[in-house]
N, C-alpha and C. Protein backbone atom coordinates (compact mmCIF):
# COMPACT_ATOMS: atom_id res chain seq x y z
N MET A 1 125.97 101.20 122.14
CA MET A 1 125.39 100.20 123.05
C MET A 1 124.26 99.43 122.38
N PHE A 2 123.40 100.14 121.61
CA PHE A 2 122.25 99.50 120.98
C PHE A 2 122.49 99.30 119.48
N LYS A 3 123.74 99.14 119.11
CA LYS A 3 124.11 98.99 117.70
C LYS A 3 123.44 97.80 117.05
N GLN A 4 123.29 96.70 117.79
CA GLN A 4 122.76 95.48 117.20
C GLN A 4 121.24 95.41 117.23
N TYR A 5 120.59 96.45 117.75
CA TYR A 5 119.13 96.46 117.82
C TYR A 5 118.56 97.47 116.83
N ASP A 6 117.58 97.06 116.07
CA ASP A 6 116.92 97.93 115.11
C ASP A 6 115.56 98.33 115.67
N PHE A 7 115.43 99.60 116.08
CA PHE A 7 114.19 100.10 116.66
C PHE A 7 113.32 100.80 115.63
N HIS A 8 113.70 100.73 114.38
CA HIS A 8 112.91 101.41 113.35
C HIS A 8 111.50 100.82 113.28
N PHE A 9 110.49 101.68 113.19
CA PHE A 9 109.11 101.23 113.14
C PHE A 9 108.68 101.13 111.68
N TYR A 10 108.76 99.92 111.13
CA TYR A 10 108.47 99.70 109.71
C TYR A 10 106.97 99.75 109.44
N LYS A 11 106.63 100.03 108.18
CA LYS A 11 105.23 100.16 107.80
C LYS A 11 104.45 98.88 108.06
N SER A 12 105.08 97.73 107.89
CA SER A 12 104.40 96.46 108.11
C SER A 12 103.93 96.30 109.55
N LEU A 13 104.54 97.04 110.47
CA LEU A 13 104.12 96.97 111.87
C LEU A 13 102.73 97.56 112.07
N TYR A 14 102.39 98.55 111.26
CA TYR A 14 101.04 99.11 111.35
C TYR A 14 100.01 98.06 110.95
N LEU A 15 100.38 97.20 110.00
CA LEU A 15 99.48 96.12 109.61
C LEU A 15 99.26 95.15 110.76
N LEU A 16 100.33 94.85 111.51
CA LEU A 16 100.20 93.95 112.66
C LEU A 16 99.28 94.55 113.72
N ILE A 17 99.40 95.85 113.96
CA ILE A 17 98.53 96.52 114.93
C ILE A 17 97.08 96.48 114.45
N PHE A 18 96.89 96.79 113.16
CA PHE A 18 95.54 96.77 112.59
C PHE A 18 94.92 95.39 112.71
N LEU A 19 95.70 94.34 112.39
CA LEU A 19 95.18 92.99 112.46
C LEU A 19 94.74 92.63 113.88
N GLY A 20 95.53 93.04 114.88
CA GLY A 20 95.17 92.76 116.26
C GLY A 20 93.84 93.38 116.63
N LEU A 21 93.65 94.65 116.28
CA LEU A 21 92.41 95.36 116.59
C LEU A 21 91.24 94.78 115.77
N PHE A 22 91.52 94.50 114.50
CA PHE A 22 90.49 93.97 113.61
C PHE A 22 90.01 92.60 114.10
N PHE A 23 90.96 91.74 114.45
CA PHE A 23 90.60 90.40 114.92
C PHE A 23 89.86 90.46 116.25
N TYR A 24 90.22 91.41 117.09
CA TYR A 24 89.52 91.56 118.37
C TYR A 24 88.05 91.90 118.13
N ILE A 25 87.81 92.83 117.21
CA ILE A 25 86.44 93.28 116.94
C ILE A 25 85.61 92.19 116.29
N ILE A 26 86.13 91.62 115.19
CA ILE A 26 85.33 90.61 114.49
C ILE A 26 85.22 89.32 115.31
N GLY A 27 86.24 89.02 116.12
CA GLY A 27 86.18 87.82 116.94
C GLY A 27 85.14 87.89 118.03
N ASN A 28 84.95 89.08 118.58
CA ASN A 28 83.99 89.25 119.67
C ASN A 28 82.59 89.63 119.20
N PHE A 29 82.50 90.25 118.02
CA PHE A 29 81.21 90.82 117.64
C PHE A 29 80.66 90.35 116.29
N CYS A 30 81.51 89.85 115.40
CA CYS A 30 81.06 89.64 114.03
C CYS A 30 81.10 88.20 113.55
N LEU A 31 82.22 87.54 113.71
CA LEU A 31 82.39 86.22 113.12
C LEU A 31 81.44 85.18 113.73
N PRO A 32 80.68 84.49 112.92
CA PRO A 32 79.86 83.39 113.45
C PRO A 32 80.74 82.18 113.74
N LEU A 33 80.37 81.42 114.73
CA LEU A 33 81.19 80.27 115.15
C LEU A 33 80.93 79.03 114.30
N TYR A 34 79.71 78.87 113.83
CA TYR A 34 79.34 77.70 113.03
C TYR A 34 79.75 76.40 113.71
N GLY A 35 79.51 76.34 115.02
CA GLY A 35 79.80 75.11 115.76
C GLY A 35 81.26 74.72 115.79
N GLY A 36 82.15 75.72 115.73
CA GLY A 36 83.58 75.43 115.77
C GLY A 36 84.25 75.40 114.41
N LEU A 37 83.46 75.46 113.33
CA LEU A 37 84.02 75.41 111.99
C LEU A 37 84.94 76.59 111.71
N THR A 38 84.55 77.78 112.19
CA THR A 38 85.37 78.98 111.97
C THR A 38 86.76 78.82 112.58
N VAL A 39 86.80 78.30 113.80
CA VAL A 39 88.09 78.07 114.48
C VAL A 39 88.94 77.08 113.68
N THR A 40 88.30 76.02 113.20
CA THR A 40 89.02 75.01 112.42
C THR A 40 89.60 75.61 111.15
N LEU A 41 88.84 76.46 110.47
CA LEU A 41 89.32 77.08 109.24
C LEU A 41 90.51 78.00 109.51
N ILE A 42 90.46 78.73 110.63
CA ILE A 42 91.59 79.60 110.99
C ILE A 42 92.83 78.76 111.28
N GLU A 43 92.64 77.64 111.97
CA GLU A 43 93.76 76.74 112.25
C GLU A 43 94.36 76.20 110.96
N HIS A 44 93.51 75.87 109.99
CA HIS A 44 94.01 75.37 108.71
C HIS A 44 94.78 76.46 107.97
N PHE A 45 94.28 77.68 108.05
CA PHE A 45 94.99 78.80 107.42
C PHE A 45 96.38 78.96 108.04
N GLN A 46 96.45 78.88 109.35
CA GLN A 46 97.73 78.99 110.03
C GLN A 46 98.67 77.87 109.59
N SER A 47 98.14 76.67 109.47
CA SER A 47 98.96 75.53 109.02
C SER A 47 99.50 75.77 107.61
N LEU A 48 98.64 76.28 106.73
CA LEU A 48 99.08 76.58 105.37
C LEU A 48 100.16 77.66 105.37
N PHE A 49 100.01 78.65 106.24
CA PHE A 49 101.02 79.70 106.33
C PHE A 49 102.36 79.13 106.78
N LEU A 50 102.34 78.25 107.77
CA LEU A 50 103.58 77.64 108.27
C LEU A 50 104.22 76.76 107.20
N ILE A 51 103.41 76.03 106.45
CA ILE A 51 103.95 75.23 105.35
C ILE A 51 104.58 76.15 104.30
N PHE A 52 103.88 77.24 103.99
CA PHE A 52 104.41 78.20 103.02
C PHE A 52 105.75 78.75 103.48
N MET A 53 105.87 79.12 104.76
CA MET A 53 107.12 79.67 105.25
C MET A 53 108.23 78.62 105.19
N GLY A 54 107.89 77.37 105.46
CA GLY A 54 108.89 76.32 105.36
C GLY A 54 109.39 76.15 103.93
N VAL A 55 108.44 76.13 102.97
CA VAL A 55 108.81 75.98 101.56
C VAL A 55 109.59 77.21 101.08
N TYR A 56 109.10 78.39 101.45
CA TYR A 56 109.79 79.63 101.06
C TYR A 56 111.22 79.65 101.60
N THR A 57 111.38 79.24 102.85
CA THR A 57 112.71 79.22 103.45
C THR A 57 113.62 78.23 102.73
N TYR A 58 113.06 77.11 102.29
CA TYR A 58 113.86 76.14 101.55
C TYR A 58 114.39 76.76 100.26
N PHE A 59 113.53 77.44 99.52
CA PHE A 59 113.98 78.05 98.26
C PHE A 59 114.95 79.20 98.53
N TYR A 60 114.75 79.91 99.66
CA TYR A 60 115.74 80.93 100.00
C TYR A 60 117.08 80.28 100.32
N ALA A 61 117.05 79.18 101.05
CA ALA A 61 118.30 78.49 101.41
C ALA A 61 119.07 78.08 100.16
N ARG A 62 118.36 77.71 99.10
CA ARG A 62 119.02 77.35 97.85
C ARG A 62 119.75 78.54 97.24
N ARG A 63 119.26 79.74 97.51
CA ARG A 63 119.94 80.94 96.98
C ARG A 63 121.31 81.14 97.62
N VAL A 64 121.45 80.66 98.85
CA VAL A 64 122.72 80.85 99.57
C VAL A 64 123.44 79.52 99.76
N ARG A 65 123.16 78.56 98.89
CA ARG A 65 123.73 77.22 99.08
C ARG A 65 125.25 77.20 98.93
N HIS A 66 125.81 78.23 98.27
CA HIS A 66 127.27 78.29 98.13
C HIS A 66 127.94 78.81 99.41
N HIS A 67 127.15 79.28 100.36
CA HIS A 67 127.66 79.70 101.67
C HIS A 67 127.21 78.63 102.67
N LYS A 68 128.09 77.70 102.97
CA LYS A 68 127.72 76.49 103.70
C LYS A 68 126.98 76.77 105.00
N ASP A 69 127.56 77.65 105.85
CA ASP A 69 126.93 77.91 107.16
C ASP A 69 125.56 78.55 107.00
N LEU A 70 125.44 79.47 106.06
CA LEU A 70 124.14 80.12 105.82
C LEU A 70 123.12 79.10 105.35
N TYR A 71 123.53 78.25 104.42
CA TYR A 71 122.62 77.24 103.88
C TYR A 71 122.13 76.31 104.99
N ILE A 72 123.06 75.82 105.80
CA ILE A 72 122.68 74.90 106.88
C ILE A 72 121.79 75.61 107.90
N PHE A 73 122.09 76.88 108.17
CA PHE A 73 121.29 77.64 109.13
C PHE A 73 119.84 77.74 108.68
N TRP A 74 119.62 78.07 107.40
CA TRP A 74 118.25 78.25 106.93
C TRP A 74 117.53 76.92 106.77
N ILE A 75 118.26 75.87 106.42
CA ILE A 75 117.64 74.54 106.41
C ILE A 75 117.22 74.18 107.84
N TRP A 76 118.05 74.55 108.80
CA TRP A 76 117.73 74.30 110.21
C TRP A 76 116.47 75.04 110.64
N THR A 77 116.29 76.28 110.16
CA THR A 77 115.10 77.05 110.55
C THR A 77 113.82 76.40 110.03
N ILE A 78 113.93 75.65 108.93
CA ILE A 78 112.76 74.95 108.42
C ILE A 78 112.20 73.99 109.47
N SER A 79 113.10 73.38 110.24
CA SER A 79 112.65 72.45 111.28
C SER A 79 111.81 73.16 112.34
N TRP A 80 112.09 74.45 112.59
CA TRP A 80 111.28 75.22 113.54
C TRP A 80 109.89 75.49 112.97
N TRP A 81 109.80 75.79 111.68
CA TRP A 81 108.49 75.95 111.06
C TRP A 81 107.71 74.64 111.12
N LEU A 82 108.41 73.51 110.95
CA LEU A 82 107.74 72.21 111.04
C LEU A 82 107.25 71.92 112.45
N VAL A 83 108.03 72.33 113.45
CA VAL A 83 107.60 72.14 114.84
C VAL A 83 106.32 72.92 115.10
N MET A 84 106.28 74.17 114.66
CA MET A 84 105.07 74.98 114.87
C MET A 84 103.89 74.41 114.08
N PHE A 85 104.17 73.91 112.88
CA PHE A 85 103.11 73.27 112.10
C PHE A 85 102.60 72.02 112.81
N GLY A 86 103.52 71.21 113.31
CA GLY A 86 103.13 70.00 114.02
C GLY A 86 102.31 70.29 115.26
N ARG A 87 102.74 71.31 116.02
CA ARG A 87 101.99 71.69 117.21
C ARG A 87 100.59 72.17 116.84
N GLY A 88 100.50 72.92 115.73
CA GLY A 88 99.22 73.47 115.31
C GLY A 88 98.20 72.41 114.96
N ILE A 89 98.66 71.27 114.46
CA ILE A 89 97.74 70.19 114.11
C ILE A 89 97.78 69.07 115.16
N SER A 90 98.30 69.43 116.35
CA SER A 90 98.41 68.46 117.46
C SER A 90 99.18 67.22 117.03
N TRP A 91 100.22 67.47 116.23
CA TRP A 91 101.13 66.42 115.76
C TRP A 91 100.42 65.38 114.89
N GLY A 92 99.27 65.75 114.34
CA GLY A 92 98.52 64.87 113.45
C GLY A 92 97.24 64.35 114.06
N ARG A 93 97.06 64.55 115.35
CA ARG A 93 95.88 64.02 116.04
C ARG A 93 94.60 64.67 115.56
N ASP A 94 94.69 65.92 115.04
CA ASP A 94 93.49 66.60 114.54
C ASP A 94 92.89 65.86 113.34
N PHE A 95 93.73 65.17 112.57
CA PHE A 95 93.27 64.49 111.38
C PHE A 95 93.02 62.99 111.61
N PHE A 96 93.73 62.42 112.58
CA PHE A 96 93.57 60.99 112.87
C PHE A 96 93.38 60.80 114.38
N PRO A 97 92.21 61.21 114.88
CA PRO A 97 91.98 61.18 116.34
C PRO A 97 91.93 59.79 116.95
N ASP A 98 91.71 58.77 116.14
CA ASP A 98 91.56 57.42 116.68
C ASP A 98 92.89 56.70 116.90
N VAL A 99 93.97 57.27 116.38
CA VAL A 99 95.29 56.67 116.57
C VAL A 99 95.73 56.88 118.03
N PRO A 100 96.29 55.86 118.68
CA PRO A 100 96.73 56.01 120.08
C PRO A 100 97.67 57.20 120.28
N ARG A 101 97.49 57.91 121.39
CA ARG A 101 98.26 59.11 121.67
C ARG A 101 99.76 58.82 121.74
N PHE A 102 100.12 57.59 122.07
CA PHE A 102 101.54 57.22 122.20
C PHE A 102 102.31 57.55 120.91
N TYR A 103 101.69 57.27 119.76
CA TYR A 103 102.37 57.50 118.48
C TYR A 103 102.58 59.00 118.22
N TYR A 104 101.63 59.80 118.66
CA TYR A 104 101.78 61.24 118.47
C TYR A 104 102.86 61.81 119.38
N LYS A 105 103.04 61.21 120.54
CA LYS A 105 104.13 61.62 121.42
C LYS A 105 105.47 61.34 120.78
N ILE A 106 105.56 60.22 120.07
CA ILE A 106 106.80 59.88 119.36
C ILE A 106 107.07 60.91 118.26
N ILE A 107 106.02 61.23 117.49
CA ILE A 107 106.16 62.22 116.41
C ILE A 107 106.59 63.57 116.98
N ALA A 108 105.94 63.99 118.07
CA ALA A 108 106.28 65.27 118.69
C ALA A 108 107.72 65.28 119.17
N THR A 109 108.14 64.20 119.80
CA THR A 109 109.50 64.12 120.32
C THR A 109 110.53 64.24 119.21
N ILE A 110 110.28 63.56 118.09
CA ILE A 110 111.22 63.59 116.97
C ILE A 110 111.29 64.99 116.37
N LEU A 111 110.12 65.59 116.12
CA LEU A 111 110.10 66.92 115.49
C LEU A 111 110.76 67.98 116.38
N ILE A 112 110.51 67.90 117.68
CA ILE A 112 111.09 68.88 118.61
C ILE A 112 112.59 68.64 118.78
N ALA A 113 113.00 67.37 118.73
CA ALA A 113 114.41 67.04 118.94
C ALA A 113 115.29 67.53 117.80
N ILE A 114 114.77 67.52 116.57
CA ILE A 114 115.59 67.87 115.41
C ILE A 114 116.20 69.27 115.53
N PRO A 115 115.41 70.35 115.76
CA PRO A 115 116.04 71.67 115.86
C PRO A 115 116.94 71.81 117.08
N PHE A 116 116.60 71.15 118.18
CA PHE A 116 117.44 71.26 119.38
C PHE A 116 118.77 70.55 119.18
N ILE A 117 118.76 69.40 118.57
CA ILE A 117 120.01 68.71 118.27
C ILE A 117 120.85 69.53 117.29
N GLY A 118 120.15 70.15 116.32
CA GLY A 118 120.85 70.97 115.33
C GLY A 118 121.63 72.11 115.96
N MET A 119 121.15 72.62 117.10
CA MET A 119 121.83 73.73 117.77
C MET A 119 123.23 73.35 118.24
N PHE A 120 123.51 72.07 118.37
CA PHE A 120 124.81 71.62 118.87
C PHE A 120 125.79 71.28 117.75
N THR A 121 125.35 71.46 116.49
CA THR A 121 126.27 71.23 115.38
C THR A 121 127.12 72.48 115.15
N SER A 122 128.31 72.28 114.65
CA SER A 122 129.26 73.40 114.50
C SER A 122 128.75 74.51 113.57
N PRO A 123 128.21 74.19 112.37
CA PRO A 123 127.75 75.27 111.49
C PRO A 123 126.64 76.13 112.12
N ILE A 124 125.71 75.47 112.80
CA ILE A 124 124.61 76.21 113.42
C ILE A 124 125.13 77.09 114.55
N ARG A 125 126.01 76.55 115.37
CA ARG A 125 126.56 77.32 116.49
C ARG A 125 127.37 78.51 115.98
N ARG A 126 128.14 78.30 114.92
CA ARG A 126 128.92 79.41 114.35
C ARG A 126 128.02 80.50 113.81
N GLU A 127 126.97 80.08 113.11
CA GLU A 127 126.09 81.07 112.49
C GLU A 127 125.27 81.82 113.54
N ILE A 128 124.82 81.12 114.57
CA ILE A 128 124.09 81.79 115.65
C ILE A 128 125.00 82.80 116.35
N ALA A 129 126.23 82.39 116.61
CA ALA A 129 127.19 83.29 117.27
C ALA A 129 127.49 84.50 116.39
N ARG A 130 127.65 84.27 115.09
CA ARG A 130 127.93 85.39 114.18
C ARG A 130 126.76 86.35 114.14
N ARG A 131 125.56 85.82 114.05
CA ARG A 131 124.40 86.69 113.98
C ARG A 131 124.22 87.47 115.28
N TYR A 132 124.50 86.82 116.40
CA TYR A 132 124.37 87.49 117.68
C TYR A 132 125.34 88.67 117.78
N LYS A 133 126.52 88.51 117.21
CA LYS A 133 127.55 89.54 117.31
C LYS A 133 127.41 90.64 116.26
N THR A 134 126.91 90.29 115.09
CA THR A 134 126.95 91.25 113.98
C THR A 134 125.59 91.65 113.42
N GLU A 135 124.59 90.78 113.51
CA GLU A 135 123.30 91.07 112.90
C GLU A 135 122.44 91.95 113.80
N LYS A 136 121.62 92.79 113.19
CA LYS A 136 120.68 93.61 113.94
C LYS A 136 119.42 92.81 114.26
N ILE A 137 118.85 93.10 115.40
CA ILE A 137 117.62 92.43 115.83
C ILE A 137 116.45 93.38 115.60
N PRO A 138 115.43 92.96 114.82
CA PRO A 138 114.25 93.82 114.59
C PRO A 138 113.36 93.83 115.83
N VAL A 139 113.62 94.77 116.71
CA VAL A 139 113.01 94.77 118.04
C VAL A 139 111.49 94.74 117.98
N TRP A 140 110.90 95.57 117.11
CA TRP A 140 109.45 95.67 117.11
C TRP A 140 108.77 94.41 116.56
N PHE A 141 109.38 93.78 115.58
CA PHE A 141 108.82 92.52 115.07
C PHE A 141 108.83 91.45 116.16
N VAL A 142 109.95 91.37 116.88
CA VAL A 142 110.05 90.40 117.97
C VAL A 142 109.05 90.74 119.07
N PHE A 143 108.93 92.04 119.38
CA PHE A 143 108.00 92.48 120.42
C PHE A 143 106.57 92.07 120.09
N PHE A 144 106.14 92.31 118.85
CA PHE A 144 104.76 91.97 118.48
C PHE A 144 104.54 90.47 118.45
N ALA A 145 105.57 89.71 118.11
CA ALA A 145 105.44 88.25 118.14
C ALA A 145 105.14 87.78 119.56
N PHE A 146 105.90 88.30 120.53
CA PHE A 146 105.67 87.92 121.92
C PHE A 146 104.37 88.52 122.45
N LEU A 147 104.04 89.72 122.01
CA LEU A 147 102.80 90.37 122.46
C LEU A 147 101.58 89.54 122.08
N TYR A 148 101.49 89.18 120.81
CA TYR A 148 100.32 88.42 120.36
C TYR A 148 100.33 87.00 120.90
N LEU A 149 101.52 86.44 121.11
CA LEU A 149 101.58 85.12 121.75
C LEU A 149 101.04 85.22 123.17
N GLY A 150 101.40 86.29 123.88
CA GLY A 150 100.90 86.50 125.24
C GLY A 150 99.40 86.73 125.28
N VAL A 151 98.91 87.49 124.30
CA VAL A 151 97.47 87.76 124.24
C VAL A 151 96.70 86.46 123.99
N ALA A 152 97.21 85.63 123.07
CA ALA A 152 96.57 84.35 122.80
C ALA A 152 96.59 83.46 124.03
N ASP A 153 97.70 83.50 124.78
CA ASP A 153 97.80 82.70 126.00
C ASP A 153 96.80 83.18 127.06
N ILE A 154 96.60 84.49 127.15
CA ILE A 154 95.62 85.04 128.09
C ILE A 154 94.23 84.52 127.77
N ALA A 155 93.90 84.53 126.47
CA ALA A 155 92.58 84.04 126.05
C ALA A 155 92.42 82.55 126.33
N GLU A 156 93.48 81.78 126.10
CA GLU A 156 93.39 80.33 126.26
C GLU A 156 93.29 79.91 127.71
N HIS A 157 94.05 80.55 128.60
CA HIS A 157 94.16 80.07 129.97
C HIS A 157 93.46 80.97 130.99
N HIS A 158 92.63 81.88 130.50
CA HIS A 158 91.83 82.74 131.39
C HIS A 158 92.72 83.51 132.38
N ARG A 159 93.81 84.07 131.89
CA ARG A 159 94.70 84.82 132.77
C ARG A 159 94.13 86.22 132.99
N ILE A 160 94.85 87.01 133.79
CA ILE A 160 94.39 88.36 134.12
C ILE A 160 94.15 89.16 132.83
N GLY A 161 93.00 89.77 132.73
CA GLY A 161 92.64 90.55 131.56
C GLY A 161 91.82 89.78 130.54
N SER A 162 91.59 88.50 130.79
CA SER A 162 90.87 87.69 129.81
C SER A 162 89.42 88.14 129.63
N THR A 163 88.83 88.69 130.68
CA THR A 163 87.43 89.13 130.58
C THR A 163 87.29 90.35 129.65
N LEU A 164 88.37 91.12 129.52
CA LEU A 164 88.36 92.25 128.59
C LEU A 164 88.69 91.80 127.17
N LEU A 165 89.43 90.71 127.07
CA LEU A 165 89.85 90.21 125.76
C LEU A 165 88.78 89.33 125.14
N VAL A 166 88.20 88.45 125.95
CA VAL A 166 87.16 87.53 125.47
C VAL A 166 85.84 87.93 126.13
N LEU A 167 84.96 88.53 125.36
CA LEU A 167 83.73 89.07 125.93
C LEU A 167 82.64 88.01 126.09
N SER A 168 82.82 86.87 125.44
CA SER A 168 81.87 85.77 125.57
C SER A 168 82.66 84.48 125.65
N HIS A 169 82.37 83.66 126.66
CA HIS A 169 83.17 82.47 126.89
C HIS A 169 83.20 81.52 125.70
N ASP A 170 82.10 81.45 124.97
CA ASP A 170 82.07 80.52 123.84
C ASP A 170 82.96 80.97 122.68
N ARG A 171 83.52 82.19 122.79
CA ARG A 171 84.42 82.69 121.75
C ARG A 171 85.90 82.61 122.16
N LYS A 172 86.16 81.94 123.25
CA LYS A 172 87.53 81.84 123.77
C LYS A 172 88.48 81.26 122.73
N ASP A 173 88.12 80.12 122.16
CA ASP A 173 89.00 79.47 121.18
C ASP A 173 89.17 80.31 119.92
N LEU A 174 88.10 81.00 119.54
CA LEU A 174 88.17 81.85 118.35
C LEU A 174 89.15 82.99 118.55
N ILE A 175 89.06 83.68 119.69
CA ILE A 175 89.96 84.79 119.97
C ILE A 175 91.40 84.29 120.06
N GLU A 176 91.59 83.15 120.69
CA GLU A 176 92.94 82.59 120.81
C GLU A 176 93.56 82.37 119.43
N GLU A 177 92.83 81.73 118.53
CA GLU A 177 93.37 81.43 117.21
C GLU A 177 93.57 82.70 116.39
N LEU A 178 92.65 83.65 116.52
CA LEU A 178 92.79 84.90 115.78
C LEU A 178 94.05 85.65 116.22
N MET A 179 94.33 85.67 117.53
CA MET A 179 95.49 86.40 118.03
C MET A 179 96.81 85.67 117.76
N GLU A 180 96.73 84.37 117.54
CA GLU A 180 97.94 83.63 117.17
C GLU A 180 98.36 83.96 115.73
N THR A 181 97.40 84.39 114.91
CA THR A 181 97.71 84.65 113.51
C THR A 181 98.70 85.80 113.32
N PRO A 182 98.48 87.00 113.91
CA PRO A 182 99.51 88.04 113.77
C PRO A 182 100.82 87.69 114.45
N CYS A 183 100.78 86.79 115.44
CA CYS A 183 102.02 86.31 116.05
C CYS A 183 102.84 85.56 115.00
N LEU A 184 102.20 84.69 114.24
CA LEU A 184 102.89 83.96 113.19
C LEU A 184 103.38 84.89 112.09
N PHE A 185 102.57 85.88 111.74
CA PHE A 185 103.00 86.87 110.75
C PHE A 185 104.24 87.61 111.23
N SER A 186 104.28 87.93 112.52
CA SER A 186 105.44 88.63 113.09
C SER A 186 106.70 87.79 112.95
N LEU A 187 106.57 86.50 113.22
CA LEU A 187 107.72 85.59 113.07
C LEU A 187 108.15 85.52 111.61
N GLY A 188 107.19 85.51 110.71
CA GLY A 188 107.52 85.51 109.30
C GLY A 188 108.26 86.76 108.89
N LEU A 189 107.86 87.90 109.44
CA LEU A 189 108.52 89.17 109.13
C LEU A 189 109.94 89.21 109.70
N VAL A 190 110.15 88.60 110.85
CA VAL A 190 111.50 88.49 111.40
C VAL A 190 112.38 87.73 110.43
N SER A 191 111.87 86.62 109.92
CA SER A 191 112.62 85.81 108.97
C SER A 191 112.93 86.59 107.70
N LEU A 192 111.95 87.31 107.16
CA LEU A 192 112.16 88.11 105.96
C LEU A 192 113.16 89.23 106.21
N TYR A 193 113.09 89.82 107.38
CA TYR A 193 114.02 90.90 107.75
C TYR A 193 115.46 90.38 107.74
N LEU A 194 115.69 89.23 108.35
CA LEU A 194 117.03 88.66 108.40
C LEU A 194 117.53 88.30 107.00
N GLN A 195 116.64 87.76 106.19
CA GLN A 195 117.03 87.39 104.83
C GLN A 195 117.35 88.61 103.99
N HIS A 196 116.57 89.67 104.14
CA HIS A 196 116.80 90.90 103.39
C HIS A 196 118.17 91.50 103.75
N ASN A 197 118.46 91.60 105.03
CA ASN A 197 119.75 92.15 105.46
C ASN A 197 120.90 91.24 105.03
N GLU A 198 120.65 89.95 105.03
CA GLU A 198 121.68 89.01 104.61
C GLU A 198 122.02 89.19 103.14
N GLN A 199 121.00 89.37 102.31
CA GLN A 199 121.24 89.58 100.89
C GLN A 199 122.00 90.87 100.64
N LYS A 200 121.71 91.91 101.38
CA LYS A 200 122.45 93.16 101.24
C LYS A 200 123.91 92.96 101.62
N ARG A 201 124.16 92.21 102.70
CA ARG A 201 125.54 91.97 103.14
C ARG A 201 126.31 91.17 102.10
N LEU A 202 125.67 90.14 101.54
CA LEU A 202 126.35 89.33 100.54
C LEU A 202 126.60 90.12 99.26
N LYS A 203 125.66 90.99 98.90
CA LYS A 203 125.84 91.82 97.71
C LYS A 203 126.98 92.80 97.90
N ASN A 204 127.05 93.40 99.09
CA ASN A 204 128.13 94.36 99.37
C ASN A 204 129.49 93.66 99.40
N ALA A 205 129.48 92.41 99.85
CA ALA A 205 130.73 91.67 99.93
C ALA A 205 131.29 91.38 98.54
N LYS A 206 130.41 91.33 97.53
CA LYS A 206 130.86 91.03 96.18
C LYS A 206 131.32 92.28 95.43
N LEU A 207 130.93 93.46 95.94
CA LEU A 207 131.31 94.70 95.26
C LEU A 207 132.81 94.92 95.38
N PRO A 208 133.44 95.42 94.31
CA PRO A 208 134.89 95.69 94.37
C PRO A 208 135.18 96.84 95.32
N SER A 209 136.31 96.76 96.00
CA SER A 209 136.68 97.82 96.94
C SER A 209 137.22 99.02 96.22
């Protein structure tokens, strides 16, 4: 019944737990705000991480370029990294605040439309269907991605439990950005997990029977 789910608790998951606790402590008690500079630096780090994942995924896609559906699938995932990067920088408004918001709405619409339109292409649909039927899902990596996303959302929107998460109102943005960081790491680990299993499958397929 649970053949397609991987419940193994990998060592990297302990790092995600540690980061959550570490960021909670330093975010509430240690890190100076410097008038918002700290939050800005964390946002830039996240942007660099998303760019790195996009570039890394591109080079990985080149490794499987002889497998058409796999290649197209991983090129498609780059568009998701770009969407998250675009959202993180407010579609460019963080760097050019004086440009009318209308133009940023156009940029956002285009970036968001690309991966959604890609889902309706035959190679992407075939690969998603194949992965759903045959690939294992790293349950704990996905769980921590949603967990930290939820924690960041609690901090941002003052939801239930926010008073325990954010001990000082002026640190709300800091805690939000800190908790988004292990969420992004979790997504990166999901991607690495899928690529690792994919390489094993392709290697086994080449072995003589």
